[in-house]
């Protein structure tokens, strides 16, 4: 991805902004409007926060939960536990989930 960054820096308008090290307030307002700038000033939105980061965070959480359920399922049905009733199955799943979360 470094070649893309270098190409981005080579554009004249970006070279100046890269030298300054941050976006100007006027540029932020022009691009996103006053509402986003006000939210940033109030501290509700970080300047570098993006939707892609939130998607990645959600994906990691989703994968983690899938792994927990997969471990619980394979542990229960591999023969480690002999389950007689559905109630006991549910309590054992809950026990394994709480153990893996802590």
PDB file of N, CA and C in Angstrom:
ATOM      1  N   UNK A   1       0.823  -1.205   0.000  1.00  0.00           N
ATOM      2  CA  UNK A   1       0.000   0.000   0.000  1.00  0.00           C
ATOM      3  C   UNK A   1       0.863   1.264   0.000  1.00  0.00           C
ATOM      4  N   UNK A   2       2.165   1.074   0.178  1.00  0.00           N
ATOM      5  CA  UNK A   2       3.030   2.249   0.284  1.00  0.00           C
ATOM      6  C   UNK A   2       3.127   2.998  -1.045  1.00  0.00           C
ATOM      7  N   UNK A   3       3.031   2.287  -2.149  1.00  0.00           N
ATOM      8  CA  UNK A   3       3.108   2.978  -3.445  1.00  0.00           C
ATOM      9  C   UNK A   3       1.932   3.928  -3.611  1.00  0.00           C
ATOM     10  N   UNK A   4       0.763   3.540  -3.076  1.00  0.00           N
ATOM     11  CA  UNK A   4      -0.417   4.400  -3.172  1.00  0.00           C
ATOM     12  C   UNK A   4      -0.234   5.639  -2.299  1.00  0.00           C
ATOM     13  N   UNK A   5       0.363   5.445  -1.121  1.00  0.00           N
ATOM     14  CA  UNK A   5       0.612   6.579  -0.236  1.00  0.00           C
ATOM     15  C   UNK A   5       1.588   7.558  -0.879  1.00  0.00           C
ATOM     16  N   UNK A   6       2.632   7.023  -1.512  1.00  0.00           N
ATOM     17  CA  UNK A   6       3.610   7.898  -2.165  1.00  0.00           C
ATOM     18  C   UNK A   6       2.974   8.657  -3.329  1.00  0.00           C
ATOM     19  N   UNK A   7       2.114   7.980  -4.072  1.00  0.00           N
ATOM     20  CA  UNK A   7       1.448   8.650  -5.190  1.00  0.00           C
ATOM     21  C   UNK A   7       0.503   9.732  -4.684  1.00  0.00           C
ATOM     22  N   UNK A   8      -0.173   9.453  -3.565  1.00  0.00           N
ATOM     23  CA  UNK A   8      -1.086  10.430  -2.968  1.00  0.00           C
ATOM     24  C   UNK A   8      -0.316  11.663  -2.515  1.00  0.00           C
ATOM     25  N   UNK A   9       0.891  11.428  -1.949  1.00  0.00           N
ATOM     26  CA  UNK A   9       1.704  12.550  -1.483  1.00  0.00           C
ATOM     27  C   UNK A   9       2.270  13.361  -2.632  1.00  0.00           C
ATOM     28  N   UNK A  10       2.382  12.755  -3.802  1.00  0.00           N
ATOM     29  CA  UNK A  10       2.986  13.472  -4.923  1.00  0.00           C
ATOM     30  C   UNK A  10       2.035  14.497  -5.543  1.00  0.00           C
ATOM     31  N   UNK A  11       0.722  14.371  -5.297  1.00  0.00           N
ATOM     32  CA  UNK A  11      -0.200  15.365  -5.826  1.00  0.00           C
ATOM     33  C   UNK A  11       0.026  16.692  -5.113  1.00  0.00           C
ATOM     34  N   UNK A  12       0.008  17.802  -5.848  1.00  0.00           N
ATOM     35  CA  UNK A  12       0.389  19.100  -5.252  1.00  0.00           C
ATOM     36  C   UNK A  12      -0.463  19.496  -4.044  1.00  0.00           C
ATOM     37  N   UNK A  13      -1.784  19.323  -4.129  1.00  0.00           N
ATOM     38  CA  UNK A  13      -2.635  19.763  -3.009  1.00  0.00           C
ATOM     39  C   UNK A  13      -2.425  18.884  -1.775  1.00  0.00           C
ATOM     40  N   UNK A  14      -2.034  17.637  -1.999  1.00  0.00           N
ATOM     41  CA  UNK A  14      -1.808  16.749  -0.863  1.00  0.00           C
ATOM     42  C   UNK A  14      -0.414  16.936  -0.266  1.00  0.00           C
ATOM     43  N   UNK A  15       0.527  17.384  -1.084  1.00  0.00           N
ATOM     44  CA  UNK A  15       1.883  17.601  -0.582  1.00  0.00           C
ATOM     45  C   UNK A  15       1.877  18.685   0.493  1.00  0.00           C
ATOM     46  N   UNK A  16       1.112  19.740   0.241  1.00  0.00           N
ATOM     47  CA  UNK A  16       1.026  20.828   1.218  1.00  0.00           C
ATOM     48  C   UNK A  16       0.353  20.350   2.500  1.00  0.00           C
ATOM     49  N   UNK A  17      -0.703  19.579   2.349  1.00  0.00           N
ATOM     50  CA  UNK A  17      -1.422  19.087   3.525  1.00  0.00           C
ATOM     51  C   UNK A  17      -0.565  18.095   4.310  1.00  0.00           C
ATOM     52  N   UNK A  18       0.214  17.293   3.608  1.00  0.00           N
ATOM     53  CA  UNK A  18       1.088  16.339   4.277  1.00  0.00           C
ATOM     54  C   UNK A  18       2.200  17.069   5.037  1.00  0.00           C
ATOM     55  N   UNK A  19       2.642  18.202   4.495  1.00  0.00           N
ATOM     56  CA  UNK A  19       3.666  18.994   5.174  1.00  0.00           C
ATOM     57  C   UNK A  19       3.106  19.595   6.456  1.00  0.00           C
ATOM     58  N   UNK A  20       1.861  20.043   6.399  1.00  0.00           N
ATOM     59  CA  UNK A  20       1.230  20.608   7.590  1.00  0.00           C
ATOM     60  C   UNK A  20       0.935  19.527   8.624  1.00  0.00           C
ATOM     61  N   UNK A  21       0.701  18.318   8.168  1.00  0.00           N
ATOM     62  CA  UNK A  21       0.495  17.210   9.080  1.00  0.00           C
ATOM     63  C   UNK A  21      -0.945  16.955   9.457  1.00  0.00           C
ATOM     64  N   UNK A  22      -1.851  17.847   9.129  1.00  0.00           N
ATOM     65  CA  UNK A  22      -3.261  17.604   9.444  1.00  0.00           C
ATOM     66  C   UNK A  22      -4.135  18.415   8.498  1.00  0.00           C
ATOM     67  N   UNK A  23      -5.399  18.059   8.483  1.00  0.00           N
ATOM     68  CA  UNK A  23      -6.335  18.790   7.639  1.00  0.00           C
ATOM     69  C   UNK A  23      -6.697  20.117   8.295  1.00  0.00           C
ATOM     70  N   UNK A  24      -6.964  21.106   7.479  1.00  0.00           N
ATOM     71  CA  UNK A  24      -7.408  22.379   8.037  1.00  0.00           C
ATOM     72  C   UNK A  24      -8.893  22.292   8.387  1.00  0.00           C
ATOM     73  N   UNK A  25      -9.329  23.186   9.271  1.00  0.00           N
ATOM     74  CA  UNK A  25     -10.741  23.176   9.666  1.00  0.00           C
ATOM     75  C   UNK A  25     -11.643  23.481   8.471  1.00  0.00           C
ATOM     76  N   UNK A  26     -11.192  24.413   7.639  1.00  0.00           N
ATOM     77  CA  UNK A  26     -12.018  24.782   6.487  1.00  0.00           C
ATOM     78  C   UNK A  26     -12.198  23.601   5.550  1.00  0.00           C
ATOM     79  N   UNK A  27     -11.157  22.826   5.385  1.00  0.00           N
ATOM     80  CA  UNK A  27     -11.259  21.670   4.495  1.00  0.00           C
ATOM     81  C   UNK A  27     -12.218  20.632   5.067  1.00  0.00           C
ATOM     82  N   UNK A  28     -12.165  20.437   6.382  1.00  0.00           N
ATOM     83  CA  UNK A  28     -13.078  19.492   7.016  1.00  0.00           C
ATOM     84  C   UNK A  28     -14.525  19.912   6.863  1.00  0.00           C
ATOM     85  N   UNK A  29     -14.789  21.214   7.028  1.00  0.00           N
ATOM     86  CA  UNK A  29     -16.169  21.703   6.882  1.00  0.00           C
ATOM     87  C   UNK A  29     -16.641  21.576   5.440  1.00  0.00           C
ATOM     88  N   UNK A  30     -15.730  21.880   4.518  1.00  0.00           N
ATOM     89  CA  UNK A  30     -16.091  21.807   3.100  1.00  0.00           C
ATOM     90  C   UNK A  30     -16.450  20.374   2.717  1.00  0.00           C
ATOM     91  N   UNK A  31     -15.737  19.427   3.303  1.00  0.00           N
ATOM     92  CA  UNK A  31     -15.922  18.039   2.899  1.00  0.00           C
ATOM     93  C   UNK A  31     -17.092  17.372   3.619  1.00  0.00           C
ATOM     94  N   UNK A  32     -17.209  17.640   4.924  1.00  0.00           N
ATOM     95  CA  UNK A  32     -18.196  16.906   5.714  1.00  0.00           C
ATOM     96  C   UNK A  32     -19.341  17.769   6.245  1.00  0.00           C
ATOM     97  N   UNK A  33     -19.223  19.061   6.158  1.00  0.00           N
ATOM     98  CA  UNK A  33     -20.277  19.921   6.673  1.00  0.00           C
ATOM     99  C   UNK A  33     -20.039  20.297   8.126  1.00  0.00           C
ATOM    100  N   UNK A  34     -20.854  21.257   8.586  1.00  0.00           N
ATOM    101  CA  UNK A  34     -20.666  21.792   9.935  1.00  0.00           C
ATOM    102  C   UNK A  34     -21.016  20.775  11.004  1.00  0.00           C
ATOM    103  N   UNK A  35     -21.989  19.896  10.710  1.00  0.00           N
ATOM    104  CA  UNK A  35     -22.463  18.982  11.750  1.00  0.00           C
ATOM    105  C   UNK A  35     -21.342  18.063  12.223  1.00  0.00           C
ATOM    106  N   UNK A  36     -20.599  17.507  11.277  1.00  0.00           N
ATOM    107  CA  UNK A  36     -19.507  16.598  11.649  1.00  0.00           C
ATOM    108  C   UNK A  36     -18.408  17.346  12.397  1.00  0.00           C
ATOM    109  N   UNK A  37     -18.138  18.574  11.969  1.00  0.00           N
ATOM    110  CA  UNK A  37     -17.104  19.356  12.626  1.00  0.00           C
ATOM    111  C   UNK A  37     -17.502  19.677  14.065  1.00  0.00           C
ATOM    112  N   UNK A  38     -18.781  19.989  14.280  1.00  0.00           N
ATOM    113  CA  UNK A  38     -19.256  20.268  15.638  1.00  0.00           C
ATOM    114  C   UNK A  38     -19.182  19.028  16.507  1.00  0.00           C
ATOM    115  N   UNK A  39     -19.541  17.868  15.941  1.00  0.00           N
ATOM    116  CA  UNK A  39     -19.460  16.622  16.711  1.00  0.00           C
ATOM    117  C   UNK A  39     -18.017  16.322  17.083  1.00  0.00           C
ATOM    118  N   UNK A  40     -17.096  16.615  16.159  1.00  0.00           N
ATOM    119  CA  UNK A  40     -15.681  16.386  16.452  1.00  0.00           C
ATOM    120  C   UNK A  40     -15.221  17.302  17.578  1.00  0.00           C
ATOM    121  N   UNK A  41     -15.671  18.564  17.546  1.00  0.00           N
ATOM    122  CA  UNK A  41     -15.268  19.517  18.566  1.00  0.00           C
ATOM    123  C   UNK A  41     -15.838  19.139  19.932  1.00  0.00           C
ATOM    124  N   UNK A  42     -17.043  18.574  19.936  1.00  0.00           N
ATOM    125  CA  UNK A  42     -17.649  18.162  21.202  1.00  0.00           C
ATOM    126  C   UNK A  42     -17.022  16.872  21.730  1.00  0.00           C
ATOM    127  N   UNK A  43     -16.231  16.193  20.920  1.00  0.00           N
ATOM    128  CA  UNK A  43     -15.580  14.980  21.374  1.00  0.00           C
ATOM    129  C   UNK A  43     -16.369  13.724  21.100  1.00  0.00           C
ATOM    130  N   UNK A  44     -17.444  13.829  20.330  1.00  0.00           N
ATOM    131  CA  UNK A  44     -18.249  12.647  20.037  1.00  0.00           C
ATOM    132  C   UNK A  44     -17.680  11.835  18.882  1.00  0.00           C
ATOM    133  N   UNK A  45     -16.814  12.461  18.100  1.00  0.00           N
ATOM    134  CA  UNK A  45     -16.278  11.777  16.932  1.00  0.00           C
ATOM    135  C   UNK A  45     -14.802  12.127  16.810  1.00  0.00           C
ATOM    136  N   UNK A  46     -13.962  11.123  16.824  1.00  0.00           N
ATOM    137  CA  UNK A  46     -12.537  11.382  16.641  1.00  0.00           C
ATOM    138  C   UNK A  46     -12.261  11.739  15.184  1.00  0.00           C
ATOM    139  N   UNK A  47     -11.211  12.514  14.965  1.00  0.00           N
ATOM    140  CA  UNK A  47     -10.940  12.993  13.608  1.00  0.00           C
ATOM    141  C   UNK A  47     -10.583  11.839  12.677  1.00  0.00           C
ATOM    142  N   UNK A  48      -9.823  10.865  13.175  1.00  0.00           N
ATOM    143  CA  UNK A  48      -9.366   9.777  12.320  1.00  0.00           C
ATOM    144  C   UNK A  48     -10.315   8.587  12.327  1.00  0.00           C
ATOM    145  N   UNK A  49     -11.448   8.732  13.027  1.00  0.00           N
ATOM    146  CA  UNK A  49     -12.386   7.612  13.090  1.00  0.00           C
ATOM    147  C   UNK A  49     -13.065   7.444  11.726  1.00  0.00           C
ATOM    148  N   UNK A  50     -13.167   6.218  11.281  1.00  0.00           N
ATOM    149  CA  UNK A  50     -13.784   5.971   9.984  1.00  0.00           C
ATOM    150  C   UNK A  50     -14.713   4.776  10.070  1.00  0.00           C
ATOM    151  N   UNK A  51     -15.577   4.646   9.068  1.00  0.00           N
ATOM    152  CA  UNK A  51     -16.498   3.515   9.044  1.00  0.00           C
ATOM    153  C   UNK A  51     -15.784   2.187   8.883  1.00  0.00           C
ATOM    154  N   UNK A  52     -14.654   2.183   8.181  1.00  0.00           N
ATOM    155  CA  UNK A  52     -13.922   0.932   7.966  1.00  0.00           C
ATOM    156  C   UNK A  52     -13.408   0.358   9.281  1.00  0.00           C
ATOM    157  N   UNK A  53     -12.947   1.240  10.190  1.00  0.00           N
ATOM    158  CA  UNK A  53     -12.482   0.763  11.494  1.00  0.00           C
ATOM    159  C   UNK A  53     -13.614   0.108  12.260  1.00  0.00           C
ATOM    160  N   UNK A  54     -14.800   0.712  12.197  1.00  0.00           N
ATOM    161  CA  UNK A  54     -15.938   0.146  12.917  1.00  0.00           C
ATOM    162  C   UNK A  54     -16.334  -1.205  12.339  1.00  0.00           C
ATOM    163  N   UNK A  55     -16.251  -1.341  11.018  1.00  0.00           N
ATOM    164  CA  UNK A  55     -16.579  -2.625  10.388  1.00  0.00           C
ATOM    165  C   UNK A  55     -15.585  -3.690  10.825  1.00  0.00           C
ATOM    166  N   UNK A  56     -14.302  -3.341  10.852  1.00  0.00           N
ATOM    167  CA  UNK A  56     -13.287  -4.304  11.285  1.00  0.00           C
ATOM    168  C   UNK A  56     -13.493  -4.708  12.736  1.00  0.00           C
ATOM    169  N   UNK A  57     -13.858  -3.723  13.569  1.00  0.00           N
ATOM    170  CA  UNK A  57     -14.096  -4.025  14.980  1.00  0.00           C
ATOM    171  C   UNK A  57     -15.278  -4.974  15.124  1.00  0.00           C
ATOM    172  N   UNK A  58     -16.332  -4.740  14.339  1.00  0.00           N
ATOM    173  CA  UNK A  58     -17.497  -5.624  14.382  1.00  0.00           C
ATOM    174  C   UNK A  58     -17.136  -7.016  13.879  1.00  0.00           C
ATOM    175  N   UNK A  59     -16.329  -7.084  12.803  1.00  0.00           N
ATOM    176  CA  UNK A  59     -15.929  -8.390  12.265  1.00  0.00           C
ATOM    177  C   UNK A  59     -15.131  -9.183  13.282  1.00  0.00           C
ATOM    178  N   UNK A  60     -14.207  -8.525  13.972  1.00  0.00           N
ATOM    179  CA  UNK A  60     -13.421  -9.228  14.991  1.00  0.00           C
ATOM    180  C   UNK A  60     -14.317  -9.759  16.100  1.00  0.00           C
ATOM    181  N   UNK A  61     -15.279  -8.949  16.537  1.00  0.00           N
ATOM    182  CA  UNK A  61     -16.193  -9.385  17.595  1.00  0.00           C
ATOM    183  C   UNK A  61     -17.043 -10.555  17.116  1.00  0.00           C
ATOM    184  N   UNK A  62     -17.490 -10.492  15.865  1.00  0.00           N
ATOM    185  CA  UNK A  62     -18.319 -11.558  15.302  1.00  0.00           C
ATOM    186  C   UNK A  62     -17.529 -12.866  15.202  1.00  0.00           C
ATOM    187  N   UNK A  63     -16.295 -12.772  14.712  1.00  0.00           N
ATOM    188  CA  UNK A  63     -15.454 -13.969  14.591  1.00  0.00           C
ATOM    189  C   UNK A  63     -15.172 -14.557  15.965  1.00  0.00           C
ATOM    190  N   UNK A  64     -14.940 -13.700  16.950  1.00  0.00           N
ATOM    191  CA  UNK A  64     -14.677 -14.180  18.306  1.00  0.00           C
ATOM    192  C   UNK A  64     -15.880 -14.938  18.862  1.00  0.00           C
ATOM    193  N   UNK A  65     -17.085 -14.402  18.633  1.00  0.00           N
ATOM    194  CA  UNK A  65     -18.292 -15.081  19.126  1.00  0.00           C
ATOM    195  C   UNK A  65     -18.502 -16.405  18.394  1.00  0.00           C
ATOM    196  N   UNK A  66     -18.228 -16.429  17.084  1.00  0.00           N
ATOM    197  CA  UNK A  66     -18.358 -17.685  16.329  1.00  0.00           C
ATOM    198  C   UNK A  66     -17.393 -18.736  16.863  1.00  0.00           C
ATOM    199  N   UNK A  67     -16.176 -18.322  17.188  1.00  0.00           N
ATOM    200  CA  UNK A  67     -15.200 -19.273  17.738  1.00  0.00           C
ATOM    201  C   UNK A  67     -15.664 -19.815  19.081  1.00  0.00           C
ATOM    202  N   UNK A  68     -16.231 -18.954  19.908  1.00  0.00           N
ATOM    203  CA  UNK A  68     -16.714 -19.401  21.224  1.00  0.00           C
ATOM    204  C   UNK A  68     -17.823 -20.426  21.051  1.00  0.00           C
ATOM    205  N   UNK A  69     -18.772 -20.133  20.155  1.00  0.00           N
ATOM    206  CA  UNK A  69     -19.868 -21.082  19.928  1.00  0.00           C
ATOM    207  C   UNK A  69     -19.359 -22.392  19.325  1.00  0.00           C
ATOM    208  N   UNK A  70     -18.393 -22.305  18.427  1.00  0.00           N
ATOM    209  CA  UNK A  70     -17.838 -23.515  17.820  1.00  0.00           C
ATOM    210  C   UNK A  70     -17.128 -24.385  18.859  1.00  0.00           C
ATOM    211  N   UNK A  71     -16.365 -23.747  19.728  1.00  0.00           N
ATOM    212  CA  UNK A  71     -15.685 -24.496  20.792  1.00  0.00           C
ATOM    213  C   UNK A  71     -16.702 -25.139  21.723  1.00  0.00           C
ATOM    214  N   UNK A  72     -17.743 -24.378  22.080  1.00  0.00           N
ATOM    215  CA  UNK A  72     -18.775 -24.929  22.970  1.00  0.00           C
ATOM    216  C   UNK A  72     -19.479 -26.107  22.306  1.00  0.00           C
ATOM    217  N   UNK A  73     -19.819 -25.962  21.037  1.00  0.00           N
ATOM    218  CA  UNK A  73     -20.539 -27.025  20.322  1.00  0.00           C
ATOM    219  C   UNK A  73     -19.683 -28.287  20.209  1.00  0.00           C
ATOM    220  N   UNK A  74     -18.428 -28.113  19.800  1.00  0.00           N
ATOM    221  CA  UNK A  74     -17.567 -29.295  19.628  1.00  0.00           C
ATOM    222  C   UNK A  74     -17.255 -29.957  20.968  1.00  0.00           C
ATOM    223  N   UNK A  75     -17.131 -29.153  22.019  1.00  0.00           N
ATOM    224  CA  UNK A  75     -16.864 -29.732  23.342  1.00  0.00           C
ATOM    225  C   UNK A  75     -18.049 -30.556  23.817  1.00  0.00           C
ATOM    226  N   UNK A  76     -19.251 -30.043  23.584  1.00  0.00           N
ATOM    227  CA  UNK A  76     -20.445 -30.753  24.056  1.00  0.00           C
ATOM    228  C   UNK A  76     -20.692 -32.028  23.266  1.00  0.00           C
ATOM    229  N   UNK A  77     -20.502 -31.961  21.945  1.00  0.00           N
ATOM    230  CA  UNK A  77     -20.888 -33.092  21.107  1.00  0.00           C
ATOM    231  C   UNK A  77     -19.716 -34.002  20.738  1.00  0.00           C
ATOM    232  N   UNK A  78     -18.526 -33.745  21.275  1.00  0.00           N
ATOM    233  CA  UNK A  78     -17.402 -34.632  20.978  1.00  0.00           C
ATOM    234  C   UNK A  78     -17.372 -35.831  21.911  1.00  0.00           C
ATOM    235  N   UNK A  79     -18.200 -35.823  22.940  1.00  0.00           N
ATOM    236  CA  UNK A  79     -18.220 -36.927  23.891  1.00  0.00           C
ATOM    237  C   UNK A  79     -17.588 -36.566  25.210  1.00  0.00           C
ATOM    238  N   UNK A  80     -17.114 -35.325  25.336  1.00  0.00           N
ATOM    239  CA  UNK A  80     -16.552 -34.901  26.617  1.00  0.00           C
ATOM    240  C   UNK A  80     -17.641 -34.856  27.681  1.00  0.00           C
ATOM    241  N   UNK A  81     -18.826 -34.443  27.274  1.00  0.00           N
ATOM    242  CA  UNK A  81     -19.963 -34.391  28.193  1.00  0.00           C
ATOM    243  C   UNK A  81     -21.012 -35.387  27.739  1.00  0.00           C
ATOM    244  N   UNK A  82     -21.579 -36.097  28.685  1.00  0.00           N
ATOM    245  CA  UNK A  82     -22.728 -36.954  28.390  1.00  0.00           C
ATOM    246  C   UNK A  82     -23.971 -36.204  28.853  1.00  0.00           C
ATOM    247  N   UNK A  83     -24.795 -35.798  27.893  1.00  0.00           N
ATOM    248  CA  UNK A  83     -25.946 -34.958  28.212  1.00  0.00           C
ATOM    249  C   UNK A  83     -27.209 -35.797  28.145  1.00  0.00           C
ATOM    250  N   UNK A  84     -27.988 -35.755  29.214  1.00  0.00           N
ATOM    251  CA  UNK A  84     -29.230 -36.537  29.250  1.00  0.00           C
ATOM    252  C   UNK A  84     -30.442 -35.704  28.865  1.00  0.00           C
ATOM    253  N   UNK A  85     -30.482 -34.460  29.302  1.00  0.00           N
ATOM    254  CA  UNK A  85     -31.683 -33.656  29.053  1.00  0.00           C
ATOM    255  C   UNK A  85     -31.299 -32.330  28.413  1.00  0.00           C
ATOM    256  N   UNK A  86     -32.303 -31.680  27.802  1.00  0.00           N
ATOM    257  CA  UNK A  86     -32.049 -30.400  27.141  1.00  0.00           C
ATOM    258  C   UNK A  86     -31.681 -29.315  28.146  1.00  0.00           C
ATOM    259  N   UNK A  87     -32.281 -29.353  29.322  1.00  0.00           N
ATOM    260  CA  UNK A  87     -31.968 -28.348  30.338  1.00  0.00           C
ATOM    261  C   UNK A  87     -30.513 -28.387  30.744  1.00  0.00           C
ATOM    262  N   UNK A  88     -29.988 -29.606  30.898  1.00  0.00           N
ATOM    263  CA  UNK A  88     -28.589 -29.744  31.273  1.00  0.00           C
ATOM    264  C   UNK A  88     -27.677 -29.269  30.138  1.00  0.00           C
ATOM    265  N   UNK A  89     -28.097 -29.503  28.895  1.00  0.00           N
ATOM    266  CA  UNK A  89     -27.320 -29.044  27.738  1.00  0.00           C
ATOM    267  C   UNK A  89     -27.201 -27.524  27.752  1.00  0.00           C
ATOM    268  N   UNK A  90     -28.314 -26.842  28.007  1.00  0.00           N
ATOM    269  CA  UNK A  90     -28.304 -25.376  28.000  1.00  0.00           C
ATOM    270  C   UNK A  90     -27.400 -24.848  29.109  1.00  0.00           C
ATOM    271  N   UNK A  91     -27.491 -25.458  30.300  1.00  0.00           N
ATOM    272  CA  UNK A  91     -26.644 -24.973  31.394  1.00  0.00           C
ATOM    273  C   UNK A  91     -25.167 -25.203  31.091  1.00  0.00           C
ATOM    274  N   UNK A  92     -24.838 -26.299  30.428  1.00  0.00           N
ATOM    275  CA  UNK A  92     -23.432 -26.550  30.106  1.00  0.00           C
ATOM    276  C   UNK A  92     -22.926 -25.581  29.034  1.00  0.00           C
ATOM    277  N   UNK A  93     -23.782 -25.248  28.052  1.00  0.00           N
ATOM    278  CA  UNK A  93     -23.386 -24.258  27.038  1.00  0.00           C
ATOM    279  C   UNK A  93     -23.134 -22.909  27.703  1.00  0.00           C
ATOM    280  N   UNK A  94     -24.046 -22.503  28.603  1.00  0.00           N
ATOM    281  CA  UNK A  94     -23.872 -21.224  29.292  1.00  0.00           C
ATOM    282  C   UNK A  94     -22.606 -21.236  30.143  1.00  0.00           C
ATOM    283  N   UNK A  95     -22.328 -22.354  30.782  1.00  0.00           N
ATOM    284  CA  UNK A  95     -21.120 -22.453  31.607  1.00  0.00           C
ATOM    285  C   UNK A  95     -19.859 -22.297  30.752  1.00  0.00           C
ATOM    286  N   UNK A  96     -19.826 -22.957  29.602  1.00  0.00           N
ATOM    287  CA  UNK A  96     -18.653 -22.878  28.724  1.00  0.00           C
ATOM    288  C   UNK A  96     -18.496 -21.466  28.170  1.00  0.00           C
ATOM    289  N   UNK A  97     -19.625 -20.819  27.810  1.00  0.00           N
ATOM    290  CA  UNK A  97     -19.544 -19.457  27.274  1.00  0.00           C
ATOM    291  C   UNK A  97     -19.018 -18.487  28.327  1.00  0.00           C
ATOM    292  N   UNK A  98     -19.507 -18.606  29.564  1.00  0.00           N
ATOM    293  CA  UNK A  98     -19.021 -17.690  30.600  1.00  0.00           C
ATOM    294  C   UNK A  98     -17.557 -17.960  30.912  1.00  0.00           C
ATOM    295  N   UNK A  99     -17.130 -19.214  30.845  1.00  0.00           N
ATOM    296  CA  UNK A  99     -15.733 -19.544  31.119  1.00  0.00           C
ATOM    297  C   UNK A  99     -14.815 -18.970  30.031  1.00  0.00           C
ATOM    298  N   UNK A 100     -15.272 -19.022  28.759  1.00  0.00           N
ATOM    299  CA  UNK A 100     -14.410 -18.547  27.672  1.00  0.00           C
ATOM    300  C   UNK A 100     -14.385 -17.028  27.590  1.00  0.00           C
ATOM    301  N   UNK A 101     -15.431 -16.348  28.089  1.00  0.00           N
ATOM    302  CA  UNK A 101     -15.450 -14.885  28.034  1.00  0.00           C
ATOM    303  C   UNK A 101     -14.573 -14.257  29.106  1.00  0.00           C
ATOM    304  N   UNK A 102     -14.367 -14.958  30.218  1.00  0.00           N
ATOM    305  CA  UNK A 102     -13.620 -14.349  31.323  1.00  0.00           C
ATOM    306  C   UNK A 102     -12.119 -14.520  31.175  1.00  0.00           C
TER     307      UNK A 102
END
